[in-house]
C-alpha atoms as a PDB file:
ATOM      1  CA  MET A   1     133.174 120.922 110.399  1.00  0.00           C
ATOM      2  CA  THR A   2     131.422 117.571 110.502  1.00  0.00           C
ATOM      3  CA  VAL A   3     131.128 114.760 108.009  1.00  0.00           C
ATOM      4  CA  SER A   4     129.816 111.565 109.546  1.00  0.00           C
ATOM      5  CA  VAL A   5     128.777 108.175 108.216  1.00  0.00           C
ATOM      6  CA  ALA A   6     126.463 106.027 110.344  1.00  0.00           C
ATOM      7  CA  GLY A   7     127.281 108.208 113.338  1.00  0.00           C
ATOM      8  CA  ARG A   8     131.045 107.912 112.868  1.00  0.00           C
ATOM      9  CA  LEU A   9     133.119 111.014 112.135  1.00  0.00           C
ATOM     10  CA  VAL A  10     135.138 111.059 108.927  1.00  0.00           C
ATOM     11  CA  PRO A  11     138.241 113.124 109.754  1.00  0.00           C
ATOM     12  CA  ARG A  12     139.957 112.395 106.426  1.00  0.00           C
ATOM     13  CA  ALA A  13     139.275 110.606 103.165  1.00  0.00           C
ATOM     14  CA  SER A  14     141.434 107.665 104.225  1.00  0.00           C
ATOM     15  CA  ALA A  15     138.902 106.890 106.973  1.00  0.00           C
ATOM     16  CA  LEU A  16     136.500 105.654 104.281  1.00  0.00           C
ATOM     17  CA  SER A  17     136.643 102.189 102.771  1.00  0.00           C
ATOM     18  CA  ASP A  18     138.729 101.561  99.662  1.00  0.00           C
ATOM     19  CA  SER A  19     135.546 101.183  97.596  1.00  0.00           C
ATOM     20  CA  ALA A  20     134.078 104.470  98.790  1.00  0.00           C
ATOM     21  CA  ARG A  21     137.310 106.349  98.094  1.00  0.00           C
ATOM     22  CA  LEU A  22     137.560 104.799  94.627  1.00  0.00           C
ATOM     23  CA  VAL A  23     133.986 105.752  93.726  1.00  0.00           C
ATOM     24  CA  LEU A  24     134.514 109.283  95.050  1.00  0.00           C
ATOM     25  CA  PHE A  25     137.580 109.508  92.824  1.00  0.00           C
ATOM     26  CA  LEU A  26     135.420 108.527  89.831  1.00  0.00           C
ATOM     27  CA  ILE A  27     132.955 111.341  90.595  1.00  0.00           C
ATOM     28  CA  ASP A  28     134.304 114.530  89.086  1.00  0.00           C
ATOM     29  CA  GLY A  29     135.063 116.754  92.088  1.00  0.00           C
ATOM     30  CA  GLY A  30     134.099 114.057  94.605  1.00  0.00           C
ATOM     31  CA  VAL A  31     137.358 113.848  96.541  1.00  0.00           C
ATOM     32  CA  GLU A  32     137.778 117.628  96.468  1.00  0.00           C
ATOM     33  CA  TRP A  33     134.272 118.090  97.889  1.00  0.00           C
ATOM     34  CA  LEU A  34     134.949 115.690 100.756  1.00  0.00           C
ATOM     35  CA  GLU A  35     138.191 117.459 101.645  1.00  0.00           C
ATOM     36  CA  TRP A  36     136.366 120.818 101.556  1.00  0.00           C
ATOM     37  CA  ALA A  37     133.508 119.531 103.739  1.00  0.00           C
ATOM     38  CA  ILE A  38     135.914 118.078 106.307  1.00  0.00           C
ATOM     39  CA  ARG A  39     137.830 121.361 106.598  1.00  0.00           C
ATOM     40  CA  HIS A  40     134.979 123.875 106.364  1.00  0.00           C
ATOM     41  CA  PRO A  41     134.223 125.366 109.811  1.00  0.00           C
ATOM     42  CA  ARG A  42     130.434 125.411 109.341  1.00  0.00           C
ATOM     43  CA  ALA A  43     129.860 122.331 107.172  1.00  0.00           C
ATOM     44  CA  GLN A  44     127.737 119.571 108.682  1.00  0.00           C
ATOM     45  CA  TYR A  45     126.893 116.514 106.640  1.00  0.00           C
ATOM     46  CA  ARG A  46     125.501 113.264 108.039  1.00  0.00           C
ATOM     47  CA  PHE A  47     124.994 110.118 105.983  1.00  0.00           C
ATOM     48  CA  ASP A  48     123.471 106.783 106.970  1.00  0.00           C
ATOM     49  CA  SER A  49     126.061 104.816 104.976  1.00  0.00           C
ATOM     50  CA  GLU A  50     128.975 105.199 102.604  1.00  0.00           C
ATOM     51  CA  GLU A  51     126.603 104.320  99.762  1.00  0.00           C
ATOM     52  CA  ALA A  52     124.395 107.240 100.785  1.00  0.00           C
ATOM     53  CA  LEU A  53     127.447 109.505 100.892  1.00  0.00           C
ATOM     54  CA  VAL A  54     128.686 108.729  97.369  1.00  0.00           C
ATOM     55  CA  GLY A  55     125.165 108.954  95.964  1.00  0.00           C
ATOM     56  CA  ALA A  56     124.579 112.341  97.587  1.00  0.00           C
ATOM     57  CA  VAL A  57     127.925 113.667  96.345  1.00  0.00           C
ATOM     58  CA  GLN A  58     127.089 112.655  92.755  1.00  0.00           C
ATOM     59  CA  VAL A  59     123.660 114.330  92.870  1.00  0.00           C
ATOM     60  CA  GLY A  60     124.904 117.359  94.791  1.00  0.00           C
ATOM     61  CA  LEU A  61     127.747 118.102  92.393  1.00  0.00           C
ATOM     62  CA  HIS A  62     126.172 117.134  89.081  1.00  0.00           C
ATOM     63  CA  GLY A  63     122.402 117.201  89.599  1.00  0.00           C
ATOM     64  CA  TRP A  64     121.997 113.651  88.278  1.00  0.00           C
ATOM     65  CA  HIS A  65     121.989 110.296  90.031  1.00  0.00           C
ATOM     66  CA  LEU A  66     124.091 108.513  87.394  1.00  0.00           C
ATOM     67  CA  LEU A  67     127.870 108.605  87.163  1.00  0.00           C
ATOM     68  CA  LEU A  68     129.475 108.543  83.715  1.00  0.00           C
ATOM     69  CA  MET A  69     132.507 106.298  83.263  1.00  0.00           C
ATOM     70  CA  PRO A  70     133.538 107.554  79.801  1.00  0.00           C
ATOM     71  CA  ALA A  71     136.257 105.003  79.059  1.00  0.00           C
ATOM     72  CA  ILE A  72     133.788 102.090  78.953  1.00  0.00           C
ATOM     73  CA  PRO A  73     131.388 104.055  78.489  1.00  0.00           C
ATOM     74  CA  LEU A  74     128.921 103.315  81.290  1.00  0.00           C
ATOM     75  CA  LEU A  75     126.242 105.255  83.151  1.00  0.00           C
ATOM     76  CA  VAL A  76     125.785 103.794  86.623  1.00  0.00           C
ATOM     77  CA  GLY A  77     124.695 104.784  90.098  1.00  0.00           C
ATOM     78  CA  PRO A  78     127.585 105.261  92.565  1.00  0.00           C
ATOM     79  CA  ALA A  79     125.927 102.986  95.118  1.00  0.00           C
ATOM     80  CA  LYS A  80     125.793 100.190  92.516  1.00  0.00           C
ATOM     81  CA  LEU A  81     129.542 100.530  92.058  1.00  0.00           C
ATOM     82  CA  MET A  82     129.933 100.274  95.835  1.00  0.00           C
ATOM     83  CA  SER A  83     128.187  96.869  95.718  1.00  0.00           C
ATOM     84  CA  LEU A  84     130.862  95.398  93.434  1.00  0.00           C
ATOM     85  CA  ASP A  85     133.703  93.280  94.676  1.00  0.00           C
ATOM     86  CA  ARG A  86     136.646  95.598  95.216  1.00  0.00           C
ATOM     87  CA  GLY A  87     138.749  93.864  92.576  1.00  0.00           C
ATOM     88  CA  ASP A  88     135.953  94.102  90.023  1.00  0.00           C
ATOM     89  CA  LEU A  89     135.403  97.749  90.873  1.00  0.00           C
ATOM     90  CA  ARG A  90     139.062  98.462  90.262  1.00  0.00           C
ATOM     91  CA  ILE A  91     138.888  96.757  86.858  1.00  0.00           C
ATOM     92  CA  LEU A  92     136.118  99.179  85.823  1.00  0.00           C
ATOM     93  CA  ALA A  93     137.837 102.164  87.399  1.00  0.00           C
ATOM     94  CA  GLU A  94     141.081 101.503  85.540  1.00  0.00           C
ATOM     95  CA  ALA A  95     139.443 100.486  82.242  1.00  0.00           C
ATOM     96  CA  LYS A  96     140.740 102.025  79.033  1.00  0.00           C
ATOM     97  CA  GLY A  97     137.869 100.569  77.030  1.00  0.00           C
ATOM     98  CA  ASP A  98     135.372  97.705  76.972  1.00  0.00           C
ATOM     99  CA  GLY A  99     137.895  94.867  76.974  1.00  0.00           C
ATOM    100  CA  GLY A 100     137.465  91.229  77.946  1.00  0.00           C
ATOM    101  CA  LYS A 101     137.794  91.677  81.708  1.00  0.00           C
ATOM    102  CA  VAL A 102     135.530  94.722  81.655  1.00  0.00           C
ATOM    103  CA  SER A 103     132.857  92.801  79.747  1.00  0.00           C
ATOM    104  CA  GLU A 104     133.048  89.970  82.266  1.00  0.00           C
ATOM    105  CA  VAL A 105     132.541  92.370  85.164  1.00  0.00           C
ATOM    106  CA  LEU A 106     129.631  94.120  83.453  1.00  0.00           C
ATOM    107  CA  SER A 107     127.943  90.796  82.786  1.00  0.00           C
ATOM    108  CA  ARG A 108     128.548  89.563  86.339  1.00  0.00           C
ATOM    109  CA  TYR A 109     126.686  92.526  87.831  1.00  0.00           C
ATOM    110  CA  ASP A 110     124.015  93.006  85.131  1.00  0.00           C
ATOM    111  CA  LEU A 111     125.514  96.311  84.005  1.00  0.00           C
ATOM    112  CA  VAL A 112     124.944  97.436  80.428  1.00  0.00           C
ATOM    113  CA  SER A 113     127.255  99.842  78.634  1.00  0.00           C
ATOM    114  CA  GLN A 114     126.024 102.718  76.502  1.00  0.00           C
ATOM    115  CA  PRO A 115     127.077 101.076  73.193  1.00  0.00           C
ATOM    116  CA  ASP A 116     125.110  97.937  74.091  1.00  0.00           C
ATOM    117  CA  LEU A 117     122.051  99.984  75.024  1.00  0.00           C
ATOM    118  CA  ALA A 118     122.250 101.918  71.759  1.00  0.00           C
ATOM    119  CA  ARG A 119     122.700  98.677  69.788  1.00  0.00           C
ATOM    120  CA  ASP A 120     119.533  97.147  71.271  1.00  0.00           C
ATOM    121  CA  VAL A 121     117.430 100.253  70.678  1.00  0.00           C
ATOM    122  CA  ALA A 122     118.651 100.300  67.071  1.00  0.00           C
ATOM    123  CA  ALA A 123     117.920  96.575  66.706  1.00  0.00           C
ATOM    124  CA  LEU A 124     114.383  97.162  67.893  1.00  0.00           C
ATOM    125  CA  GLY A 125     114.008  99.861  65.246  1.00  0.00           C
ATOM    126  CA  GLN A 126     115.187  97.448  62.568  1.00  0.00           C
ATOM    127  CA  LEU A 127     112.776  94.841  63.893  1.00  0.00           C
ATOM    128  CA  VAL A 128     109.815  96.986  62.876  1.00  0.00           C
ATOM    129  CA  GLY A 129     111.383  98.115  59.608  1.00  0.00           C
ATOM    130  CA  ASP A 130     112.600 101.414  61.042  1.00  0.00           C
ATOM    131  CA  LYS A 131     108.991 102.460  61.541  1.00  0.00           C
ATOM    132  CA  PRO A 132     108.943 105.395  64.021  1.00  0.00           C
ATOM    133  CA  LEU A 133     107.922 104.296  67.500  1.00  0.00           C
ATOM    134  CA  PRO A 134     106.969 107.492  69.383  1.00  0.00           C
ATOM    135  CA  VAL A 135     106.752 105.655  72.696  1.00  0.00           C
ATOM    136  CA  LEU A 136     110.498 104.962  72.493  1.00  0.00           C
ATOM    137  CA  GLN A 137     111.632 108.430  71.437  1.00  0.00           C
ATOM    138  CA  ALA A 138     112.540 109.804  74.893  1.00  0.00           C
ATOM    139  CA  MET A 139     113.921 106.992  77.018  1.00  0.00           C
ATOM    140  CA  THR A 140     115.757 107.186  80.307  1.00  0.00           C
ATOM    141  CA  VAL A 141     118.737 104.941  80.940  1.00  0.00           C
ATOM    142  CA  GLU A 142     116.457 102.768  83.071  1.00  0.00           C
ATOM    143  CA  ASP A 143     114.071 102.419  80.108  1.00  0.00           C
ATOM    144  CA  GLN A 144     116.950 101.469  77.832  1.00  0.00           C
ATOM    145  CA  VAL A 145     118.084  98.789  80.281  1.00  0.00           C
ATOM    146  CA  GLU A 146     114.575  97.299  80.098  1.00  0.00           C
ATOM    147  CA  ILE A 147     114.694  97.302  76.291  1.00  0.00           C
ATOM    148  CA  HIS A 148     118.098  95.612  76.510  1.00  0.00           C
ATOM    149  CA  ALA A 149     116.565  92.848  78.635  1.00  0.00           C
ATOM    150  CA  LEU A 150     113.768  92.525  76.084  1.00  0.00           C
ATOM    151  CA  MET A 151     116.152  92.091  73.168  1.00  0.00           C
ATOM    152  CA  GLU A 152     118.324  89.463  74.835  1.00  0.00           C
ATOM    153  CA  ARG A 153     117.729  86.115  73.188  1.00  0.00           C
ATOM    154  CA  ASP A 154     118.121  84.286  76.507  1.00  0.00           C
ATOM    155  CA  ALA A 155     115.410  86.403  78.181  1.00  0.00           C
ATOM    156  CA  GLY A 156     113.193  83.338  78.678  1.00  0.00           C
ATOM    157  CA  LEU A 157     110.631  84.457  76.103  1.00  0.00           C
ATOM    158  CA  PRO A 158     108.999  81.896  73.819  1.00  0.00           C
ATOM    159  CA  GLU A 159     109.886  81.925  70.157  1.00  0.00           C
ATOM    160  CA  GLY A 160     107.501  83.878  67.985  1.00  0.00           C
ATOM    161  CA  ASP A 161     107.118  86.734  65.536  1.00  0.00           C
ATOM    162  CA  ARG A 162     109.003  89.467  67.373  1.00  0.00           C
ATOM    163  CA  GLN A 163     108.154  92.077  64.725  1.00  0.00           C
ATOM    164  CA  GLU A 164     104.477  91.306  65.224  1.00  0.00           C
ATOM    165  CA  ALA A 165     104.920  91.571  68.994  1.00  0.00           C
ATOM    166  CA  ALA A 166     106.715  94.917  68.671  1.00  0.00           C
ATOM    167  CA  LEU A 167     104.010  96.423  66.466  1.00  0.00           C
ATOM    168  CA  PHE A 168     101.335  95.173  68.854  1.00  0.00           C
ATOM    169  CA  ALA A 169     103.148  96.678  71.844  1.00  0.00           C
ATOM    170  CA  ALA A 170     103.700  99.982  70.063  1.00  0.00           C
ATOM    171  CA  GLY A 171      99.981 100.286  69.440  1.00  0.00           C
ATOM    172  CA  ARG A 172      99.019  99.821  73.089  1.00  0.00           C
ATOM    173  CA  SER A 173     101.766 101.354  75.198  1.00  0.00           C
ATOM    174  CA  ALA A 174     102.237 104.847  76.599  1.00  0.00           C
ATOM    175  CA  THR A 175     105.700 104.317  78.128  1.00  0.00           C
ATOM    176  CA  PRO A 176     108.788 102.257  77.276  1.00  0.00           C
ATOM    177  CA  LEU A 177     108.134  99.972  80.255  1.00  0.00           C
ATOM    178  CA  GLU A 178     104.606  99.284  79.029  1.00  0.00           C
ATOM    179  CA  PHE A 179     106.045  98.572  75.589  1.00  0.00           C
ATOM    180  CA  ALA A 180     108.273  95.883  77.100  1.00  0.00           C
ATOM    181  CA  ASP A 181     105.342  94.421  79.070  1.00  0.00           C
ATOM    182  CA  TYR A 182     103.038  94.172  76.064  1.00  0.00           C
ATOM    183  CA  PHE A 183     105.833  92.803  73.868  1.00  0.00           C
ATOM    184  CA  ARG A 184     106.344  89.960  76.341  1.00  0.00           C
ATOM    185  CA  ALA A 185     102.608  89.492  76.878  1.00  0.00           C
ATOM    186  CA  TYR A 186     102.011  89.091  73.149  1.00  0.00           C
ATOM    187  CA  LEU A 187     104.678  86.438  72.656  1.00  0.00           C
ATOM    188  CA  ARG A 188     103.549  84.538  75.752  1.00  0.00           C
ATOM    189  CA  TYR A 189      99.878  84.638  74.812  1.00  0.00           C
ATOM    190  CA  VAL A 190     100.453  83.436  71.252  1.00  0.00           C
ATOM    191  CA  ALA A 191     102.702  80.632  72.512  1.00  0.00           C
ATOM    192  CA  SER A 192     100.083  79.479  75.038  1.00  0.00           C
ATOM    193  CA  ASP A 193      96.943  80.007  72.957  1.00  0.00           C
ATOM    194  CA  PRO A 194      95.550  76.634  71.805  1.00  0.00           C
ATOM    195  CA  SER A 195      93.687  78.266  68.893  1.00  0.00           C
ATOM    196  CA  PRO A 196      94.954  77.377  65.414  1.00  0.00           C
ATOM    197  CA  PRO A 197      97.462  79.750  63.805  1.00  0.00           C
ATOM    198  CA  GLU A 198      95.887  82.646  61.954  1.00  0.00           C
ATOM    199  CA  LYS A 199      96.966  85.684  60.022  1.00  0.00           C
ATOM    200  CA  ALA A 200      98.890  88.289  61.960  1.00  0.00           C
ATOM    201  CA  GLY A 201      96.003  90.770  61.954  1.00  0.00           C
ATOM    202  CA  SER A 202      93.437  88.387  63.388  1.00  0.00           C
ATOM    203  CA  ARG A 203      95.995  87.005  65.844  1.00  0.00           C
ATOM    204  CA  SER A 204      96.798  90.506  67.061  1.00  0.00           C
ATOM    205  CA  ALA A 205      93.088  91.275  67.381  1.00  0.00           C
ATOM    206  CA  ARG A 206      92.525  88.122  69.448  1.00  0.00           C
ATOM    207  CA  VAL A 207      95.375  88.949  71.816  1.00  0.00           C
ATOM    208  CA  GLY A 208      94.200  92.552  72.055  1.00  0.00           C
ATOM    209  CA  ASP A 209      90.644  91.507  72.899  1.00  0.00           C
ATOM    210  CA  SER A 210      91.937  89.165  75.594  1.00  0.00           C
ATOM    211  CA  ILE A 211      94.072  91.872  77.168  1.00  0.00           C
ATOM    212  CA  ASP A 212      91.100  94.262  77.054  1.00  0.00           C
ATOM    213  CA  LEU A 213      89.154  91.639  78.992  1.00  0.00           C
ATOM    214  CA  LEU A 214      91.963  91.256  81.489  1.00  0.00           C
ATOM    215  CA  LEU A 215      92.917  94.863  82.273  1.00  0.00           C
ATOM    216  CA  PRO A 216      89.734  95.978  84.097  1.00  0.00           C
ATOM    217  CA  LEU A 217      90.122  93.016  86.449  1.00  0.00           C
ATOM    218  CA  LEU A 218      93.495  94.306  87.670  1.00  0.00           C
ATOM    219  CA  PHE A 219      92.579  97.677  89.195  1.00  0.00           C
ATOM    220  CA  GLU A 220      92.360  96.223  92.701  1.00  0.00           C
ATOM    221  CA  ALA A 221      95.946  94.967  92.509  1.00  0.00           C
ATOM    222  CA  LEU A 222      97.739  98.265  91.900  1.00  0.00           C
ATOM    223  CA  ASP A 223      97.920  99.768  95.399  1.00  0.00           C
ATOM    224  CA  CYS A 224     101.478  99.822  96.732  1.00  0.00           C
ATOM    225  CA  PRO A 225     103.207 101.121  99.884  1.00  0.00           C
ATOM    226  CA  ARG A 226     106.058 103.586  99.683  1.00  0.00           C
ATOM    227  CA  ALA A 227     109.413 103.962 101.349  1.00  0.00           C
ATOM    228  CA  ASP A 228     112.438 106.161 100.903  1.00  0.00           C
ATOM    229  CA  GLY A 229     114.269 105.197  97.720  1.00  0.00           C
ATOM    230  CA  SER A 230     117.372 104.369  99.762  1.00  0.00           C
ATOM    231  CA  ALA A 231     115.452 102.341 102.384  1.00  0.00           C
ATOM    232  CA  GLN A 232     117.303  99.439 103.928  1.00  0.00           C
ATOM    233  CA  PRO A 233     115.960  95.891 103.431  1.00  0.00           C
ATOM    234  CA  TRP A 234     114.518  95.760 106.948  1.00  0.00           C
ATOM    235  CA  GLU A 235     112.649  99.008 106.275  1.00  0.00           C
ATOM    236  CA  VAL A 236     111.181  97.573 103.089  1.00  0.00           C
ATOM    237  CA  ALA A 237     110.088  94.429 104.965  1.00  0.00           C
ATOM    238  CA  GLU A 238     108.562  96.557 107.730  1.00  0.00           C
ATOM    239  CA  ALA A 239     106.645  98.680 105.214  1.00  0.00           C
ATOM    240  CA  ILE A 240     105.232  95.535 103.581  1.00  0.00           C
ATOM    241  CA  ASN A 241     104.224  94.023 106.922  1.00  0.00           C
ATOM    242  CA  GLU A 242     102.456  97.219 107.984  1.00  0.00           C
ATOM    243  CA  TRP A 243     100.672  97.355 104.633  1.00  0.00           C
ATOM    244  CA  LEU A 244      99.464  93.768 104.924  1.00  0.00           C
ATOM    245  CA  ALA A 245      98.443  94.306 108.562  1.00  0.00           C
ATOM    246  CA  MET A 246      96.023  96.992 107.341  1.00  0.00           C
ATOM    247  CA  GLY A 247      94.302  94.359 105.223  1.00  0.00           C
ATOM    248  CA  ARG A 248      95.753  95.651 101.969  1.00  0.00           C
ATOM    249  CA  ARG A 249      97.428  93.631  99.259  1.00  0.00           C
ATOM    250  CA  LEU A 250     100.891  94.308  97.850  1.00  0.00           C
ATOM    251  CA  GLY A 251     100.191  95.302  94.275  1.00  0.00           C
ATOM    252  CA  PHE A 252     102.059  95.691  91.021  1.00  0.00           C
ATOM    253  CA  SER A 253     103.321  99.099  89.923  1.00  0.00           C
ATOM    254  CA  ARG A 254     101.516  99.016  86.544  1.00  0.00           C
ATOM    255  CA  ARG A 255      98.681  97.064  84.945  1.00  0.00           C
ATOM    256  CA  SER A 256     100.649  96.077  81.865  1.00  0.00           C
ATOM    257  CA  GLN A 257     103.234  94.255  83.956  1.00  0.00           C
ATOM    258  CA  LEU A 258     100.571  92.434  85.972  1.00  0.00           C
ATOM    259  CA  ALA A 259      98.743  91.493  82.764  1.00  0.00           C
ATOM    260  CA  GLU A 260     101.950  89.995  81.364  1.00  0.00           C
ATOM    261  CA  GLN A 261     102.475  87.991  84.543  1.00  0.00           C
ATOM    262  CA  VAL A 262      98.913  86.640  84.539  1.00  0.00           C
ATOM    263  CA  ILE A 263      99.275  85.599  80.900  1.00  0.00           C
ATOM    264  CA  ALA A 264     102.663  84.005  81.565  1.00  0.00           C
ATOM    265  CA  HIS A 265     101.815  82.076  84.730  1.00  0.00           C
ATOM    266  CA  THR A 266      98.135  81.133  84.593  1.00  0.00           C
ATOM    267  CA  ARG A 267      95.837  79.330  82.175  1.00  0.00           C
ATOM    268  CA  PHE A 268      94.307  82.622  81.047  1.00  0.00           C
ATOM    269  CA  ALA A 269      95.244  82.043  77.394  1.00  0.00           C
ATOM    270  CA  GLN A 270      93.710  78.544  77.558  1.00  0.00           C
ATOM    271  CA  ARG A 271      90.445  79.607  79.254  1.00  0.00           C
ATOM    272  CA  GLU A 272      87.358  77.987  77.795  1.00  0.00           C
ATOM    273  CA  SER A 273      85.196  81.070  78.277  1.00  0.00           C
ATOM    274  CA  ASP A 274      85.615  84.712  79.234  1.00  0.00           C
ATOM    275  CA  GLU A 275      83.582  84.044  82.403  1.00  0.00           C
ATOM    276  CA  GLU A 276      86.603  82.184  83.769  1.00  0.00           C
ATOM    277  CA  ALA A 277      88.825  85.276  83.664  1.00  0.00           C
ATOM    278  CA  PRO A 278      87.814  86.776  87.061  1.00  0.00           C
ATOM    279  CA  ARG A 279      88.442  83.457  88.825  1.00  0.00           C
ATOM    280  CA  ILE A 280      91.815  83.046  87.143  1.00  0.00           C
ATOM    281  CA  VAL A 281      92.910  86.542  88.180  1.00  0.00           C
ATOM    282  CA  ALA A 282      91.580  86.119  91.728  1.00  0.00           C
ATOM    283  CA  GLY A 283      93.449  82.844  92.140  1.00  0.00           C
ATOM    284  CA  TYR A 284      96.681  84.338  90.855  1.00  0.00           C
ATOM    285  CA  LEU A 285      96.478  87.363  93.162  1.00  0.00           C
ATOM    286  CA  ALA A 286      95.584  85.207  96.158  1.00  0.00           C
ATOM    287  CA  GLY A 287      98.624  83.009  95.558  1.00  0.00           C
ATOM    288  CA  ALA A 288     100.897  86.041  95.263  1.00  0.00           C
ATOM    289  CA  GLN A 289      99.652  87.514  98.541  1.00  0.00           C
ATOM    290  CA  ALA A 290      99.991  84.196 100.351  1.00  0.00           C
ATOM    291  CA  LEU A 291     103.657  83.989  99.392  1.00  0.00           C
ATOM    292  CA  VAL A 292     104.357  87.650 100.240  1.00  0.00           C
ATOM    293  CA  GLY A 293     102.650  87.285 103.607  1.00  0.00           C
ATOM    294  CA  SER A 294     104.495  84.118 104.600  1.00  0.00           C
ATOM    295  CA  GLY A 295     107.912  84.534 102.997  1.00  0.00           C
ATOM    296  CA  GLU A 296     110.993  86.579 103.837  1.00  0.00           C
ATOM    297  CA  LEU A 297     112.785  89.061 101.631  1.00  0.00           C
ATOM    298  CA  GLY A 298     116.008  87.712 100.211  1.00  0.00           C
ATOM    299  CA  ARG A 299     119.228  89.617  99.660  1.00  0.00           C
ATOM    300  CA  ARG A 300     118.894  93.074  98.160  1.00  0.00           C
ATOM    301  CA  ARG A 301     119.965  93.401  94.522  1.00  0.00           C
ATOM    302  CA  LEU A 302     120.663  96.940  93.370  1.00  0.00           C
ATOM    303  CA  GLY A 303     119.713  98.100  89.896  1.00  0.00           C
ATOM    304  CA  GLN A 304     122.143  99.837  87.564  1.00  0.00           C
ATOM    305  CA  ASP A 305     120.910 103.219  88.815  1.00  0.00           C
ATOM    306  CA  GLY A 306     122.161 102.394  92.310  1.00  0.00           C
ATOM    307  CA  ILE A 307     118.787 103.338  93.810  1.00  0.00           C
ATOM    308  CA  SER A 308     116.139 100.890  92.638  1.00  0.00           C
ATOM    309  CA  SER A 309     116.450  97.404  94.037  1.00  0.00           C
ATOM    310  CA  SER A 310     114.777  94.017  94.053  1.00  0.00           C
ATOM    311  CA  PHE A 311     114.259  91.250  96.606  1.00  0.00           C
ATOM    312  CA  GLN A 312     113.413  87.629  95.950  1.00  0.00           C
ATOM    313  CA  ILE A 313     110.877  85.709  98.069  1.00  0.00           C
ATOM    314  CA  LEU A 314     110.997  81.935  97.758  1.00  0.00           C
ATOM    315  CA  SER A 315     108.913  78.997  98.898  1.00  0.00           C
ATOM    316  CA  GLU A 316     109.390  75.369  97.954  1.00  0.00           C
ATOM    317  CA  ALA A 317     107.223  75.778  94.883  1.00  0.00           C
ATOM    318  CA  GLU A 318     106.938  79.502  94.074  1.00  0.00           C
ATOM    319  CA  GLU A 319     108.928  82.678  93.607  1.00  0.00           C
ATOM    320  CA  ALA A 320     108.038  86.347  93.919  1.00  0.00           C
ATOM    321  CA  VAL A 321     110.164  89.413  93.251  1.00  0.00           C
ATOM    322  CA  VAL A 322     109.509  92.635  95.137  1.00  0.00           C
ATOM    323  CA  THR A 323     110.961  95.857  93.766  1.00  0.00           C
ATOM    324  CA  LEU A 324     111.725  99.190  95.391  1.00  0.00           C
ATOM    325  CA  GLY A 325     111.660 101.800  92.638  1.00  0.00           C
ATOM    326  CA  ARG A 326     113.611 105.033  92.441  1.00  0.00           C
ATOM    327  CA  GLN A 327     110.453 106.912  93.452  1.00  0.00           C
ATOM    328  CA  GLY A 328     110.051 104.754  96.566  1.00  0.00           C
ATOM    329  CA  VAL A 329     107.205 102.513  95.371  1.00  0.00           C
ATOM    330  CA  ILE A 330     107.336  98.975  96.802  1.00  0.00           C
ATOM    331  CA  ALA A 331     105.644  96.592  94.382  1.00  0.00           C
ATOM    332  CA  LEU A 332     105.525  93.062  93.083  1.00  0.00           C
ATOM    333  CA  SER A 333     107.074  92.557  89.676  1.00  0.00           C
ATOM    334  CA  VAL A 334     107.037  88.755  89.446  1.00  0.00           C
ATOM    335  CA  PHE A 335     104.992  85.900  90.884  1.00  0.00           C
ATOM    336  CA  ARG A 336     105.436  82.500  89.325  1.00  0.00           C
ATOM    337  CA  PRO A 337     105.855  78.809  90.078  1.00  0.00           C
ATOM    338  CA  LEU A 338     109.400  77.553  90.266  1.00  0.00           C
ATOM    339  CA  PRO A 339     110.449  75.301  87.409  1.00  0.00           C
ATOM    340  CA  GLU A 340     110.308  71.657  88.304  1.00  0.00           C
ATOM    341  CA  ALA A 341     113.699  70.174  89.013  1.00  0.00           C
ATOM    342  CA  PRO A 342     114.730  67.478  86.541  1.00  0.00           C
ATOM    343  CA  PRO A 343     114.474  63.971  87.976  1.00  0.00           C
ATOM    344  CA  ALA A 344     117.650  62.763  89.602  1.00  0.00           C
ATOM    345  CA  ALA A 345     119.667  60.311  87.573  1.00  0.00           C
ATOM    346  CA  PRO A 346     119.572  56.799  89.025  1.00  0.00           C
ATOM    347  CA  GLU A 347     122.657  55.793  90.920  1.00  0.00           C
ATOM    348  CA  SER A 348     124.938  53.603  88.907  1.00  0.00           C
ATOM    349  CA  ARG A 349     125.755  50.313  90.549  1.00  0.00           C
ATOM    350  CA  ARG A 350     129.035  48.657  89.965  1.00  0.00           C
ATOM    351  CA  ARG A 351     128.668  45.003  89.182  1.00  0.00           C
ATOM    352  CA  LYS A 352     130.570  42.876  91.604  1.00  0.00           C
END
């Protein structure tokens, strides 16, 4: 009878941290399973960490990686809950509903409740006049979280015709994530395009033609290394270094996302001719690889699913975000210049 975490035997539930015990309590049957595994004469379970333990218990008992907290209600990965401050975790664990303190905790850790996810999906439907959007008919929780980020007014998107952007995205996308990418790309392109305003149809056609020009130039930037979905930060860094040492570039996980980034952070929309497009893309990709090759991964930030994660890489002038997806793909999701700091206010001098 062996249950061990990071090589250390777990003789009883009290040997785990308070956070691990609390999350196990939230998993239906979690504590009972641990007590059974500790007592069973032939059971042998080894976990690299307490986060790995609670995640494995959730999947092993319920066949799904997300834990339902019905009082809020919230679907969340157990490992994400383990990353919360213990006091904040207890607030969620003892919640009787989505009250003020609960909302503060959810916001602090970028967690989105089921009612909020449903509200944003419904709002998107209203945005296009309740026109059916087949691409959004079968969304995972992860997809819904992305739509939530899209619908937030403080998402950093330029002002524009969001209905027009949604219809454009619906016509080009095959997945909810692509829908979000093309929605953002449309608003960013229209905001940056120096051409005079036109009717929606001709504007949509112009953006579509530009994206059609851009997409074939991005094939070479889609290769990505892989790691175990629960890889530690040092393992992710090692996988990237080995990939770069083979002369390969760290790519993006999908063309639509890379297209949106090129539109957002280069002069692609202001190009004077289509012949400039290859040079613009090449320069953008070269800058991204230079930062990835010279920078260090920042602190790991877990997604709501408790498996996917992101790491920031910073230089004095630029920022990149590397993601580790639930399927183990390590990819860039962001490369952009840092916003310029506002000039410092002059020191006031007291007249003598």
